[in-house]
Amino acid sequence: YPRPRVSVISLGDELVDIDRTPGQGQVYDVNSYAL
């Protein structure tokens, strides 16, 4: 029985990926990596 496939989505206009520098009011996308 194969491993179930799980897709993880982070929703939010305030999010930036960790390879970018957050601007005013922006935060790193933590959830997609942690989940």
PDB file of all heavy atoms in Angstrom:
ATOM      1  N   TYR A   1       0.870  -1.173   0.000  1.00  0.00           N
ATOM      2  CA  TYR A   1       0.000   0.000   0.000  1.00  0.00           C
ATOM      3  C   TYR A   1       0.911   1.228   0.000  1.00  0.00           C
ATOM      4  O   TYR A   1       1.699   1.417   0.924  1.00  0.00           O
ATOM      5  CB  TYR A   1      -0.906   0.013   1.225  1.00  0.00           C
ATOM      6  CG  TYR A   1      -1.881  -1.137   1.251  1.00  0.00           C
ATOM      7  CD1 TYR A   1      -1.724  -2.194   2.141  1.00  0.00           C
ATOM      8  CD2 TYR A   1      -2.955  -1.166   0.373  1.00  0.00           C
ATOM      9  CE1 TYR A   1      -2.617  -3.252   2.164  1.00  0.00           C
ATOM     10  CE2 TYR A   1      -3.855  -2.234   0.380  1.00  0.00           C
ATOM     11  CZ  TYR A   1      -3.678  -3.266   1.285  1.00  0.00           C
ATOM     12  OH  TYR A   1      -4.566  -4.305   1.288  1.00  0.00           O
ATOM     13  N   PRO A   2       0.829   2.081  -1.027  1.00  0.00           N
ATOM     14  CA  PRO A   2       1.754   3.224  -1.092  1.00  0.00           C
ATOM     15  C   PRO A   2       1.431   4.282  -0.043  1.00  0.00           C
ATOM     16  O   PRO A   2       0.350   4.291   0.551  1.00  0.00           O
ATOM     17  CB  PRO A   2       1.521   3.773  -2.505  1.00  0.00           C
ATOM     18  CG  PRO A   2       0.112   3.393  -2.820  1.00  0.00           C
ATOM     19  CD  PRO A   2      -0.104   2.045  -2.164  1.00  0.00           C
ATOM     20  N   ARG A   3       2.370   5.156   0.167  1.00  0.00           N
ATOM     21  CA  ARG A   3       2.148   6.270   1.082  1.00  0.00           C
ATOM     22  C   ARG A   3       1.071   7.187   0.506  1.00  0.00           C
ATOM     23  O   ARG A   3       1.100   7.493  -0.696  1.00  0.00           O
ATOM     24  CB  ARG A   3       3.434   7.076   1.267  1.00  0.00           C
ATOM     25  CG  ARG A   3       4.602   6.254   1.760  1.00  0.00           C
ATOM     26  CD  ARG A   3       5.848   7.115   1.913  1.00  0.00           C
ATOM     27  NE  ARG A   3       7.023   6.277   2.127  1.00  0.00           N
ATOM     28  CZ  ARG A   3       7.361   5.757   3.294  1.00  0.00           C
ATOM     29  NH1 ARG A   3       6.598   5.983   4.347  1.00  0.00           N
ATOM     30  NH2 ARG A   3       8.436   5.007   3.421  1.00  0.00           N
ATOM     31  N   PRO A   4       0.120   7.633   1.323  1.00  0.00           N
ATOM     32  CA  PRO A   4      -0.868   8.584   0.812  1.00  0.00           C
ATOM     33  C   PRO A   4      -0.183   9.881   0.401  1.00  0.00           C
ATOM     34  O   PRO A   4       0.740  10.355   1.068  1.00  0.00           O
ATOM     35  CB  PRO A   4      -1.819   8.797   1.998  1.00  0.00           C
ATOM     36  CG  PRO A   4      -1.048   8.377   3.191  1.00  0.00           C
ATOM     37  CD  PRO A   4      -0.103   7.313   2.744  1.00  0.00           C
ATOM     38  N   ARG A   5      -0.644  10.459  -0.694  1.00  0.00           N
ATOM     39  CA  ARG A   5      -0.078  11.717  -1.185  1.00  0.00           C
ATOM     40  C   ARG A   5      -0.806  12.884  -0.520  1.00  0.00           C
ATOM     41  O   ARG A   5      -2.031  12.970  -0.585  1.00  0.00           O
ATOM     42  CB  ARG A   5      -0.204  11.793  -2.698  1.00  0.00           C
ATOM     43  CG  ARG A   5       0.569  10.712  -3.451  1.00  0.00           C
ATOM     44  CD  ARG A   5       0.175  10.657  -4.907  1.00  0.00           C
ATOM     45  NE  ARG A   5      -1.249  10.306  -5.046  1.00  0.00           N
ATOM     46  CZ  ARG A   5      -1.905  10.275  -6.211  1.00  0.00           C
ATOM     47  NH1 ARG A   5      -1.264  10.585  -7.328  1.00  0.00           N
ATOM     48  NH2 ARG A   5      -3.169   9.947  -6.243  1.00  0.00           N
ATOM     49  N   VAL A   6      -0.034  13.760   0.086  1.00  0.00           N
ATOM     50  CA  VAL A   6      -0.589  14.913   0.800  1.00  0.00           C
ATOM     51  C   VAL A   6      -0.042  16.186   0.166  1.00  0.00           C
ATOM     52  O   VAL A   6       1.174  16.369   0.086  1.00  0.00           O
ATOM     53  CB  VAL A   6      -0.235  14.875   2.299  1.00  0.00           C
ATOM     54  CG1 VAL A   6      -0.751  16.129   3.000  1.00  0.00           C
ATOM     55  CG2 VAL A   6      -0.808  13.625   2.952  1.00  0.00           C
ATOM     56  N   SER A   7      -0.942  17.059  -0.281  1.00  0.00           N
ATOM     57  CA  SER A   7      -0.548  18.364  -0.821  1.00  0.00           C
ATOM     58  C   SER A   7      -0.728  19.417   0.261  1.00  0.00           C
ATOM     59  O   SER A   7      -1.767  19.471   0.920  1.00  0.00           O
ATOM     60  CB  SER A   7      -1.395  18.723  -2.042  1.00  0.00           C
ATOM     61  OG  SER A   7      -1.078  17.904  -3.140  1.00  0.00           O
ATOM     62  N   VAL A   8       0.298  20.256   0.459  1.00  0.00           N
ATOM     63  CA  VAL A   8       0.274  21.288   1.493  1.00  0.00           C
ATOM     64  C   VAL A   8       0.347  22.662   0.831  1.00  0.00           C
ATOM     65  O   VAL A   8       1.276  22.951   0.066  1.00  0.00           O
ATOM     66  CB  VAL A   8       1.445  21.119   2.479  1.00  0.00           C
ATOM     67  CG1 VAL A   8       1.432  22.240   3.516  1.00  0.00           C
ATOM     68  CG2 VAL A   8       1.366  19.756   3.167  1.00  0.00           C
ATOM     69  N   ILE A   9      -0.646  23.501   1.138  1.00  0.00           N
ATOM     70  CA  ILE A   9      -0.762  24.840   0.558  1.00  0.00           C
ATOM     71  C   ILE A   9      -0.755  25.869   1.682  1.00  0.00           C
ATOM     72  O   ILE A   9      -1.447  25.699   2.687  1.00  0.00           O
ATOM     73  CB  ILE A   9      -2.074  24.968  -0.247  1.00  0.00           C
ATOM     74  CG1 ILE A   9      -2.102  23.959  -1.409  1.00  0.00           C
ATOM     75  CG2 ILE A   9      -2.273  26.395  -0.750  1.00  0.00           C
ATOM     76  CD1 ILE A   9      -3.465  23.842  -2.074  1.00  0.00           C
ATOM     77  N   SER A  10       0.026  26.932   1.513  1.00  0.00           N
ATOM     78  CA  SER A  10      -0.016  28.075   2.429  1.00  0.00           C
ATOM     79  C   SER A  10      -0.793  29.197   1.761  1.00  0.00           C
ATOM     80  O   SER A  10      -0.444  29.630   0.659  1.00  0.00           O
ATOM     81  CB  SER A  10       1.396  28.567   2.767  1.00  0.00           C
ATOM     82  OG  SER A  10       1.953  27.857   3.840  1.00  0.00           O
ATOM     83  N   LEU A  11      -1.813  29.680   2.429  1.00  0.00           N
ATOM     84  CA  LEU A  11      -2.692  30.689   1.859  1.00  0.00           C
ATOM     85  C   LEU A  11      -2.432  32.031   2.535  1.00  0.00           C
ATOM     86  O   LEU A  11      -2.456  32.137   3.765  1.00  0.00           O
ATOM     87  CB  LEU A  11      -4.154  30.266   2.059  1.00  0.00           C
ATOM     88  CG  LEU A  11      -5.236  31.154   1.471  1.00  0.00           C
ATOM     89  CD1 LEU A  11      -5.110  31.217  -0.046  1.00  0.00           C
ATOM     90  CD2 LEU A  11      -6.622  30.641   1.865  1.00  0.00           C
ATOM     91  N   GLY A  12      -2.177  33.079   1.742  1.00  0.00           N
ATOM     92  CA  GLY A  12      -2.010  34.403   2.340  1.00  0.00           C
ATOM     93  C   GLY A  12      -1.215  35.345   1.461  1.00  0.00           C
ATOM     94  O   GLY A  12      -0.149  34.982   0.953  1.00  0.00           O
ATOM     95  N   ASP A  13      -1.734  36.554   1.280  1.00  0.00           N
ATOM     96  CA  ASP A  13      -1.034  37.560   0.472  1.00  0.00           C
ATOM     97  C   ASP A  13       0.147  38.165   1.219  1.00  0.00           C
ATOM     98  O   ASP A  13       0.990  38.840   0.616  1.00  0.00           O
ATOM     99  CB  ASP A  13      -2.017  38.665   0.070  1.00  0.00           C
ATOM    100  CG  ASP A  13      -3.120  38.144  -0.841  1.00  0.00           C
ATOM    101  OD1 ASP A  13      -2.836  37.225  -1.638  1.00  0.00           O
ATOM    102  OD2 ASP A  13      -4.257  38.648  -0.746  1.00  0.00           O
ATOM    103  N   GLU A  14       0.218  37.947   2.535  1.00  0.00           N
ATOM    104  CA  GLU A  14       1.304  38.516   3.332  1.00  0.00           C
ATOM    105  C   GLU A  14       2.534  37.617   3.361  1.00  0.00           C
ATOM    106  O   GLU A  14       3.566  37.981   3.942  1.00  0.00           O
ATOM    107  CB  GLU A  14       0.824  38.763   4.773  1.00  0.00           C
ATOM    108  CG  GLU A  14       0.728  37.518   5.650  1.00  0.00           C
ATOM    109  CD  GLU A  14      -0.503  36.646   5.394  1.00  0.00           C
ATOM    110  OE1 GLU A  14      -1.195  36.889   4.385  1.00  0.00           O
ATOM    111  OE2 GLU A  14      -0.749  35.724   6.194  1.00  0.00           O
ATOM    112  N   LEU A  15       2.462  36.454   2.726  1.00  0.00           N
ATOM    113  CA  LEU A  15       3.536  35.466   2.828  1.00  0.00           C
ATOM    114  C   LEU A  15       4.584  35.643   1.743  1.00  0.00           C
ATOM    115  O   LEU A  15       4.267  35.976   0.588  1.00  0.00           O
ATOM    116  CB  LEU A  15       2.955  34.057   2.743  1.00  0.00           C
ATOM    117  CG  LEU A  15       1.892  33.686   3.780  1.00  0.00           C
ATOM    118  CD1 LEU A  15       1.360  32.285   3.510  1.00  0.00           C
ATOM    119  CD2 LEU A  15       2.449  33.792   5.196  1.00  0.00           C
ATOM    120  N   VAL A  16       5.842  35.407   2.115  1.00  0.00           N
ATOM    121  CA  VAL A  16       6.930  35.322   1.145  1.00  0.00           C
ATOM    122  C   VAL A  16       7.728  34.064   1.443  1.00  0.00           C
ATOM    123  O   VAL A  16       7.775  33.596   2.584  1.00  0.00           O
ATOM    124  CB  VAL A  16       7.857  36.565   1.198  1.00  0.00           C
ATOM    125  CG1 VAL A  16       7.114  37.820   0.798  1.00  0.00           C
ATOM    126  CG2 VAL A  16       8.486  36.723   2.576  1.00  0.00           C
ATOM    127  N   ASP A  17       8.350  33.520   0.399  1.00  0.00           N
ATOM    128  CA  ASP A  17       9.153  32.318   0.602  1.00  0.00           C
ATOM    129  C   ASP A  17      10.454  32.677   1.316  1.00  0.00           C
ATOM    130  O   ASP A  17      10.874  33.845   1.347  1.00  0.00           O
ATOM    131  CB  ASP A  17       9.445  31.638  -0.740  1.00  0.00           C
ATOM    132  CG  ASP A  17       9.567  30.129  -0.602  1.00  0.00           C
ATOM    133  OD1 ASP A  17       9.783  29.656   0.537  1.00  0.00           O
ATOM    134  OD2 ASP A  17       9.449  29.428  -1.618  1.00  0.00           O
ATOM    135  N   ILE A  18      11.095  31.672   1.876  1.00  0.00           N
ATOM    136  CA  ILE A  18      12.239  31.915   2.753  1.00  0.00           C
ATOM    137  C   ILE A  18      13.489  32.365   2.002  1.00  0.00           C
ATOM    138  O   ILE A  18      14.459  32.785   2.635  1.00  0.00           O
ATOM    139  CB  ILE A  18      12.564  30.658   3.589  1.00  0.00           C
ATOM    140  CG1 ILE A  18      12.813  29.443   2.682  1.00  0.00           C
ATOM    141  CG2 ILE A  18      11.443  30.368   4.566  1.00  0.00           C
ATOM    142  CD1 ILE A  18      13.210  28.199   3.444  1.00  0.00           C
ATOM    143  N   ASP A  19      13.484  32.312   0.672  1.00  0.00           N
ATOM    144  CA  ASP A  19      14.645  32.795  -0.078  1.00  0.00           C
ATOM    145  C   ASP A  19      14.516  34.273  -0.441  1.00  0.00           C
ATOM    146  O   ASP A  19      15.357  34.817  -1.165  1.00  0.00           O
ATOM    147  CB  ASP A  19      14.877  31.950  -1.329  1.00  0.00           C
ATOM    148  CG  ASP A  19      13.684  31.940  -2.269  1.00  0.00           C
ATOM    149  OD1 ASP A  19      12.631  32.530  -1.913  1.00  0.00           O
ATOM    150  OD2 ASP A  19      13.792  31.344  -3.355  1.00  0.00           O
ATOM    151  N   ARG A  20      13.455  34.931   0.068  1.00  0.00           N
ATOM    152  CA  ARG A  20      13.253  36.357  -0.168  1.00  0.00           C
ATOM    153  C   ARG A  20      13.241  37.107   1.161  1.00  0.00           C
ATOM    154  O   ARG A  20      13.001  36.526   2.211  1.00  0.00           O
ATOM    155  CB  ARG A  20      11.935  36.608  -0.907  1.00  0.00           C
ATOM    156  CG  ARG A  20      11.882  36.021  -2.312  1.00  0.00           C
ATOM    157  CD  ARG A  20      10.522  36.283  -2.936  1.00  0.00           C
ATOM    158  NE  ARG A  20      10.188  37.712  -2.898  1.00  0.00           N
ATOM    159  CZ  ARG A  20       8.968  38.195  -3.139  1.00  0.00           C
ATOM    160  NH1 ARG A  20       7.968  37.354  -3.393  1.00  0.00           N
ATOM    161  NH2 ARG A  20       8.750  39.497  -3.099  1.00  0.00           N
ATOM    162  N   THR A  21      13.480  38.405   1.092  1.00  0.00           N
ATOM    163  CA  THR A  21      13.443  39.237   2.293  1.00  0.00           C
ATOM    164  C   THR A  21      12.048  39.816   2.458  1.00  0.00           C
ATOM    165  O   THR A  21      11.541  40.461   1.531  1.00  0.00           O
ATOM    166  CB  THR A  21      14.465  40.377   2.201  1.00  0.00           C
ATOM    167  OG1 THR A  21      15.765  39.814   2.033  1.00  0.00           O
ATOM    168  CG2 THR A  21      14.425  41.241   3.463  1.00  0.00           C
ATOM    169  N   PRO A  22      11.411  39.594   3.605  1.00  0.00           N
ATOM    170  CA  PRO A  22      10.057  40.129   3.789  1.00  0.00           C
ATOM    171  C   PRO A  22      10.056  41.660   3.750  1.00  0.00           C
ATOM    172  O   PRO A  22      10.940  42.320   4.288  1.00  0.00           O
ATOM    173  CB  PRO A  22       9.665  39.627   5.185  1.00  0.00           C
ATOM    174  CG  PRO A  22      10.577  38.486   5.470  1.00  0.00           C
ATOM    175  CD  PRO A  22      11.852  38.816   4.761  1.00  0.00           C
ATOM    176  N   GLY A  23       9.027  42.221   3.080  1.00  0.00           N
ATOM    177  CA  GLY A  23       8.836  43.660   3.079  1.00  0.00           C
ATOM    178  C   GLY A  23       7.962  44.074   4.239  1.00  0.00           C
ATOM    179  O   GLY A  23       7.637  43.267   5.128  1.00  0.00           O
ATOM    180  N   GLN A  24       7.548  45.324   4.226  1.00  0.00           N
ATOM    181  CA  GLN A  24       6.687  45.839   5.276  1.00  0.00           C
ATOM    182  C   GLN A  24       5.388  45.043   5.321  1.00  0.00           C
ATOM    183  O   GLN A  24       4.697  44.910   4.314  1.00  0.00           O
ATOM    184  CB  GLN A  24       6.377  47.319   5.024  1.00  0.00           C
ATOM    185  CG  GLN A  24       5.532  47.972   6.090  1.00  0.00           C
ATOM    186  CD  GLN A  24       6.260  48.082   7.421  1.00  0.00           C
ATOM    187  OE1 GLN A  24       7.482  48.210   7.455  1.00  0.00           O
ATOM    188  NE2 GLN A  24       5.523  48.027   8.516  1.00  0.00           N
ATOM    189  N   GLY A  25       5.063  44.481   6.500  1.00  0.00           N
ATOM    190  CA  GLY A  25       3.816  43.740   6.659  1.00  0.00           C
ATOM    191  C   GLY A  25       3.859  42.317   6.140  1.00  0.00           C
ATOM    192  O   GLY A  25       2.842  41.617   6.163  1.00  0.00           O
ATOM    193  N   GLN A  26       5.022  41.865   5.674  1.00  0.00           N
ATOM    194  CA  GLN A  26       5.143  40.501   5.136  1.00  0.00           C
ATOM    195  C   GLN A  26       5.845  39.596   6.149  1.00  0.00           C
ATOM    196  O   GLN A  26       6.634  40.058   6.981  1.00  0.00           O
ATOM    197  CB  GLN A  26       5.912  40.499   3.816  1.00  0.00           C
ATOM    198  CG  GLN A  26       5.186  41.185   2.673  1.00  0.00           C
ATOM    199  CD  GLN A  26       5.968  41.080   1.383  1.00  0.00           C
ATOM    200  OE1 GLN A  26       7.187  41.276   1.346  1.00  0.00           O
ATOM    201  NE2 GLN A  26       5.263  40.774   0.292  1.00  0.00           N
ATOM    202  N   VAL A  27       5.571  38.296   6.046  1.00  0.00           N
ATOM    203  CA  VAL A  27       6.210  37.300   6.918  1.00  0.00           C
ATOM    204  C   VAL A  27       6.606  36.095   6.073  1.00  0.00           C
ATOM    205  O   VAL A  27       6.059  35.861   4.992  1.00  0.00           O
ATOM    206  CB  VAL A  27       5.272  36.847   8.060  1.00  0.00           C
ATOM    207  CG1 VAL A  27       4.962  37.998   8.996  1.00  0.00           C
ATOM    208  CG2 VAL A  27       3.979  36.245   7.502  1.00  0.00           C
ATOM    209  N   TYR A  28       7.554  35.348   6.605  1.00  0.00           N
ATOM    210  CA  TYR A  28       7.967  34.142   5.905  1.00  0.00           C
ATOM    211  C   TYR A  28       6.847  33.092   5.923  1.00  0.00           C
ATOM    212  O   TYR A  28       6.068  33.000   6.879  1.00  0.00           O
ATOM    213  CB  TYR A  28       9.204  33.528   6.572  1.00  0.00           C
ATOM    214  CG  TYR A  28      10.496  34.263   6.288  1.00  0.00           C
ATOM    215  CD1 TYR A  28      11.296  34.723   7.330  1.00  0.00           C
ATOM    216  CD2 TYR A  28      10.923  34.465   4.981  1.00  0.00           C
ATOM    217  CE1 TYR A  28      12.491  35.377   7.079  1.00  0.00           C
ATOM    218  CE2 TYR A  28      12.118  35.121   4.718  1.00  0.00           C
ATOM    219  CZ  TYR A  28      12.893  35.575   5.767  1.00  0.00           C
ATOM    220  OH  TYR A  28      14.066  36.225   5.506  1.00  0.00           O
ATOM    221  N   ASP A  29       6.810  32.303   4.859  1.00  0.00           N
ATOM    222  CA  ASP A  29       5.899  31.146   4.823  1.00  0.00           C
ATOM    223  C   ASP A  29       6.487  30.044   5.690  1.00  0.00           C
ATOM    224  O   ASP A  29       7.418  29.352   5.297  1.00  0.00           O
ATOM    225  CB  ASP A  29       5.729  30.663   3.380  1.00  0.00           C
ATOM    226  CG  ASP A  29       5.054  29.300   3.296  1.00  0.00           C
ATOM    227  OD1 ASP A  29       4.269  28.979   4.214  1.00  0.00           O
ATOM    228  OD2 ASP A  29       5.317  28.567   2.324  1.00  0.00           O
ATOM    229  N   VAL A  30       5.950  29.898   6.864  1.00  0.00           N
ATOM    230  CA  VAL A  30       6.386  28.858   7.789  1.00  0.00           C
ATOM    231  C   VAL A  30       5.568  27.585   7.599  1.00  0.00           C
ATOM    232  O   VAL A  30       6.088  26.463   7.634  1.00  0.00           O
ATOM    233  CB  VAL A  30       6.269  29.349   9.253  1.00  0.00           C
ATOM    234  CG1 VAL A  30       6.544  28.215  10.236  1.00  0.00           C
ATOM    235  CG2 VAL A  30       7.203  30.518   9.496  1.00  0.00           C
ATOM    236  N   ASN A  31       4.268  27.759   7.376  1.00  0.00           N
ATOM    237  CA  ASN A  31       3.351  26.616   7.434  1.00  0.00           C
ATOM    238  C   ASN A  31       3.624  25.535   6.397  1.00  0.00           C
ATOM    239  O   ASN A  31       3.575  24.344   6.716  1.00  0.00           O
ATOM    240  CB  ASN A  31       1.909  27.102   7.297  1.00  0.00           C
ATOM    241  CG  ASN A  31       1.367  27.672   8.583  1.00  0.00           C
ATOM    242  OD1 ASN A  31       1.705  27.199   9.668  1.00  0.00           O
ATOM    243  ND2 ASN A  31       0.534  28.695   8.489  1.00  0.00           N
ATOM    244  N   SER A  32       3.905  25.938   5.148  1.00  0.00           N
ATOM    245  CA  SER A  32       4.066  24.892   4.132  1.00  0.00           C
ATOM    246  C   SER A  32       5.278  24.018   4.431  1.00  0.00           C
ATOM    247  O   SER A  32       5.270  22.809   4.175  1.00  0.00           O
ATOM    248  CB  SER A  32       4.154  25.492   2.728  1.00  0.00           C
ATOM    249  OG  SER A  32       5.390  26.146   2.516  1.00  0.00           O
ATOM    250  N   TYR A  33       6.336  24.619   5.011  1.00  0.00           N
ATOM    251  CA  TYR A  33       7.524  23.838   5.357  1.00  0.00           C
ATOM    252  C   TYR A  33       7.265  22.963   6.587  1.00  0.00           C
ATOM    253  O   TYR A  33       7.600  21.768   6.600  1.00  0.00           O
ATOM    254  CB  TYR A  33       8.714  24.764   5.607  1.00  0.00           C
ATOM    255  CG  TYR A  33       9.256  25.403   4.359  1.00  0.00           C
ATOM    256  CD1 TYR A  33       8.838  26.671   3.978  1.00  0.00           C
ATOM    257  CD2 TYR A  33      10.155  24.729   3.539  1.00  0.00           C
ATOM    258  CE1 TYR A  33       9.324  27.265   2.816  1.00  0.00           C
ATOM    259  CE2 TYR A  33      10.650  25.301   2.381  1.00  0.00           C
ATOM    260  CZ  TYR A  33      10.228  26.571   2.019  1.00  0.00           C
ATOM    261  OH  TYR A  33      10.704  27.147   0.864  1.00  0.00           O
ATOM    262  N   ALA A  34       6.673  23.569   7.622  1.00  0.00           N
ATOM    263  CA  ALA A  34       6.446  22.823   8.865  1.00  0.00           C
ATOM    264  C   ALA A  34       5.444  21.698   8.661  1.00  0.00           C
ATOM    265  O   ALA A  34       5.639  20.568   9.130  1.00  0.00           O
ATOM    266  CB  ALA A  34       5.956  23.775   9.957  1.00  0.00           C
ATOM    267  N   LEU A  35       4.353  21.976   7.951  1.00  0.00           N
ATOM    268  CA  LEU A  35       3.320  20.957   7.759  1.00  0.00           C
ATOM    269  C   LEU A  35       3.785  19.866   6.800  1.00  0.00           C
ATOM    270  O   LEU A  35       3.401  18.698   6.951  1.00  0.00           O
ATOM    271  CB  LEU A  35       2.031  21.607   7.255  1.00  0.00           C
ATOM    272  CG  LEU A  35       1.390  22.596   8.234  1.00  0.00           C
ATOM    273  CD1 LEU A  35       0.198  23.292   7.576  1.00  0.00           C
ATOM    274  CD2 LEU A  35       0.952  21.893   9.515  1.00  0.00           C
TER     275      LEU A  35
END
